[in-house]
C-alpha atoms as a PDB file:
ATOM      1  CA  MET A   1     137.339  67.990 159.255  1.00  0.00           C
ATOM      2  CA  ASP A   2     139.846  65.425 160.236  1.00  0.00           C
ATOM      3  CA  MET A   3     140.067  63.575 163.545  1.00  0.00           C
ATOM      4  CA  SER A   4     142.863  65.687 165.066  1.00  0.00           C
ATOM      5  CA  MET A   5     140.792  68.870 164.749  1.00  0.00           C
ATOM      6  CA  GLU A   6     137.846  67.274 166.583  1.00  0.00           C
ATOM      7  CA  ILE A   7     140.069  66.038 169.421  1.00  0.00           C
ATOM      8  CA  GLY A   8     141.551  69.534 169.761  1.00  0.00           C
ATOM      9  CA  ILE A   9     138.086  71.063 170.013  1.00  0.00           C
ATOM     10  CA  LEU A  10     137.057  68.420 172.545  1.00  0.00           C
ATOM     11  CA  LEU A  11     140.163  69.117 174.649  1.00  0.00           C
ATOM     12  CA  ALA A  12     139.491  72.877 174.477  1.00  0.00           C
ATOM     13  CA  TYR A  13     135.945  72.346 175.754  1.00  0.00           C
ATOM     14  CA  ALA A  14     137.194  70.053 178.532  1.00  0.00           C
ATOM     15  CA  PHE A  15     139.817  72.615 179.556  1.00  0.00           C
ATOM     16  CA  GLY A  16     137.190  75.388 179.523  1.00  0.00           C
ATOM     17  CA  ILE A  17     134.869  73.373 181.742  1.00  0.00           C
ATOM     18  CA  LEU A  18     137.742  72.627 184.123  1.00  0.00           C
ATOM     19  CA  VAL A  19     138.640  76.328 184.328  1.00  0.00           C
ATOM     20  CA  LEU A  20     134.994  77.247 185.040  1.00  0.00           C
ATOM     21  CA  TYR A  21     134.875  74.608 187.777  1.00  0.00           C
ATOM     22  CA  VAL A  22     138.048  75.926 189.432  1.00  0.00           C
ATOM     23  CA  ILE A  23     136.860  79.550 189.256  1.00  0.00           C
ATOM     24  CA  GLY A  24     133.460  78.565 190.670  1.00  0.00           C
ATOM     25  CA  TYR A  25     135.114  76.648 193.502  1.00  0.00           C
ATOM     26  CA  VAL A  26     137.401  79.575 194.338  1.00  0.00           C
ATOM     27  CA  PHE A  27     134.384  81.881 194.696  1.00  0.00           C
ATOM     28  CA  LEU A  28     132.141  79.353 196.427  1.00  0.00           C
ATOM     29  CA  VAL A  29     134.421  78.463 199.350  1.00  0.00           C
ATOM     30  CA  PRO A  30     134.661  82.021 200.792  1.00  0.00           C
ATOM     31  CA  ILE A  31     130.892  82.433 200.414  1.00  0.00           C
ATOM     32  CA  LYS A  32     130.329  79.245 202.414  1.00  0.00           C
ATOM     33  CA  ILE A  33     132.694  80.442 205.142  1.00  0.00           C
ATOM     34  CA  LEU A  34     131.035  83.873 205.243  1.00  0.00           C
ATOM     35  CA  LEU A  35     127.557  82.326 205.349  1.00  0.00           C
ATOM     36  CA  LYS A  36     128.598  80.038 208.210  1.00  0.00           C
ATOM     37  CA  LEU A  37     130.027  83.021 210.113  1.00  0.00           C
ATOM     38  CA  VAL A  38     126.808  85.020 209.643  1.00  0.00           C
ATOM     39  CA  VAL A  39     124.560  82.142 210.727  1.00  0.00           C
ATOM     40  CA  ASN A  40     126.734  81.395 213.769  1.00  0.00           C
ATOM     41  CA  SER A  41     126.821  85.094 214.695  1.00  0.00           C
ATOM     42  CA  VAL A  42     123.025  85.353 214.567  1.00  0.00           C
ATOM     43  CA  LEU A  43     122.654  82.174 216.632  1.00  0.00           C
ATOM     44  CA  GLY A  44     125.279  83.475 219.069  1.00  0.00           C
ATOM     45  CA  GLY A  45     123.377  86.752 219.398  1.00  0.00           C
ATOM     46  CA  LEU A  46     120.175  84.840 220.120  1.00  0.00           C
ATOM     47  CA  LEU A  47     121.994  82.733 222.707  1.00  0.00           C
ATOM     48  CA  ILE A  48     123.302  85.894 224.379  1.00  0.00           C
ATOM     49  CA  LEU A  49     119.747  87.303 224.440  1.00  0.00           C
ATOM     50  CA  ILE A  50     118.466  84.103 226.064  1.00  0.00           C
ATOM     51  CA  ILE A  51     121.264  84.189 228.639  1.00  0.00           C
ATOM     52  CA  ASN A  52     120.514  87.864 229.353  1.00  0.00           C
ATOM     53  CA  PHE A  53     116.807  87.109 229.776  1.00  0.00           C
ATOM     54  CA  ILE A  54     117.399  84.191 232.139  1.00  0.00           C
ATOM     55  CA  GLY A  55     120.296  85.956 233.868  1.00  0.00           C
ATOM     56  CA  SER A  56     118.209  89.059 234.596  1.00  0.00           C
ATOM     57  CA  PHE A  57     116.750  87.207 237.569  1.00  0.00           C
ATOM     58  CA  TRP A  58     120.241  86.894 239.093  1.00  0.00           C
ATOM     59  CA  ASP A  59     121.678  90.155 237.735  1.00  0.00           C
ATOM     60  CA  ILE A  60     123.906  88.381 235.210  1.00  0.00           C
ATOM     61  CA  GLN A  61     124.336  90.125 231.860  1.00  0.00           C
ATOM     62  CA  ILE A  62     126.471  89.680 228.744  1.00  0.00           C
ATOM     63  CA  PRO A  63     126.704  92.813 226.598  1.00  0.00           C
ATOM     64  CA  LEU A  64     125.205  92.217 223.164  1.00  0.00           C
ATOM     65  CA  ASN A  65     126.916  94.075 220.342  1.00  0.00           C
ATOM     66  CA  LEU A  66     128.354  93.250 216.938  1.00  0.00           C
ATOM     67  CA  ILE A  67     131.764  92.284 218.347  1.00  0.00           C
ATOM     68  CA  SER A  68     130.352  89.859 220.917  1.00  0.00           C
ATOM     69  CA  ALA A  69     128.013  88.279 218.337  1.00  0.00           C
ATOM     70  CA  ILE A  70     130.899  87.745 215.898  1.00  0.00           C
ATOM     71  CA  PHE A  71     133.076  86.453 218.760  1.00  0.00           C
ATOM     72  CA  VAL A  72     130.407  83.882 219.617  1.00  0.00           C
ATOM     73  CA  GLY A  73     129.923  83.143 215.920  1.00  0.00           C
ATOM     74  CA  ILE A  74     133.580  82.264 215.518  1.00  0.00           C
ATOM     75  CA  LEU A  75     134.091  80.370 218.779  1.00  0.00           C
ATOM     76  CA  GLY A  76     130.604  78.963 219.360  1.00  0.00           C
ATOM     77  CA  ILE A  77     129.596  77.824 222.846  1.00  0.00           C
ATOM     78  CA  PRO A  78     133.108  78.313 224.297  1.00  0.00           C
ATOM     79  CA  GLY A  79     132.843  81.923 223.112  1.00  0.00           C
ATOM     80  CA  VAL A  80     129.648  82.391 225.135  1.00  0.00           C
ATOM     81  CA  VAL A  81     131.314  80.913 228.202  1.00  0.00           C
ATOM     82  CA  LEU A  82     134.362  83.136 227.718  1.00  0.00           C
ATOM     83  CA  LEU A  83     132.212  86.271 227.303  1.00  0.00           C
ATOM     84  CA  PHE A  84     130.236  85.273 230.386  1.00  0.00           C
ATOM     85  CA  ILE A  85     133.404  84.908 232.445  1.00  0.00           C
ATOM     86  CA  LEU A  86     134.931  88.115 231.088  1.00  0.00           C
ATOM     87  CA  SER A  87     131.852  90.258 231.591  1.00  0.00           C
ATOM     88  CA  ASN A  88     130.826  89.001 235.022  1.00  0.00           C
ATOM     89  CA  PHE A  89     133.983  88.061 236.855  1.00  0.00           C
ATOM     90  CA  ILE A  90     136.861  90.027 235.329  1.00  0.00           C
ATOM     91  CA  PHE A  91     135.373  93.491 234.839  1.00  0.00           C
END
């Protein structure tokens, strides 16, 4: 084998590794976003449960369902405050 054939094979391997890296990155980013959304939604649901437990002494409740947990998962603490205001003062 001459030198040009070995460089071509080396470049093909480098290109293949680059393509695998790009494909892996494309699939990894949405998984990270989805995992963050799930973790935040679970933590938001737990926060709503804590608020409902403490608020039961003063008759303050936030409805806990999938939509409110996802809403809190996306917005975080401001989402809890917004749900609190919407559920207790608007409706």
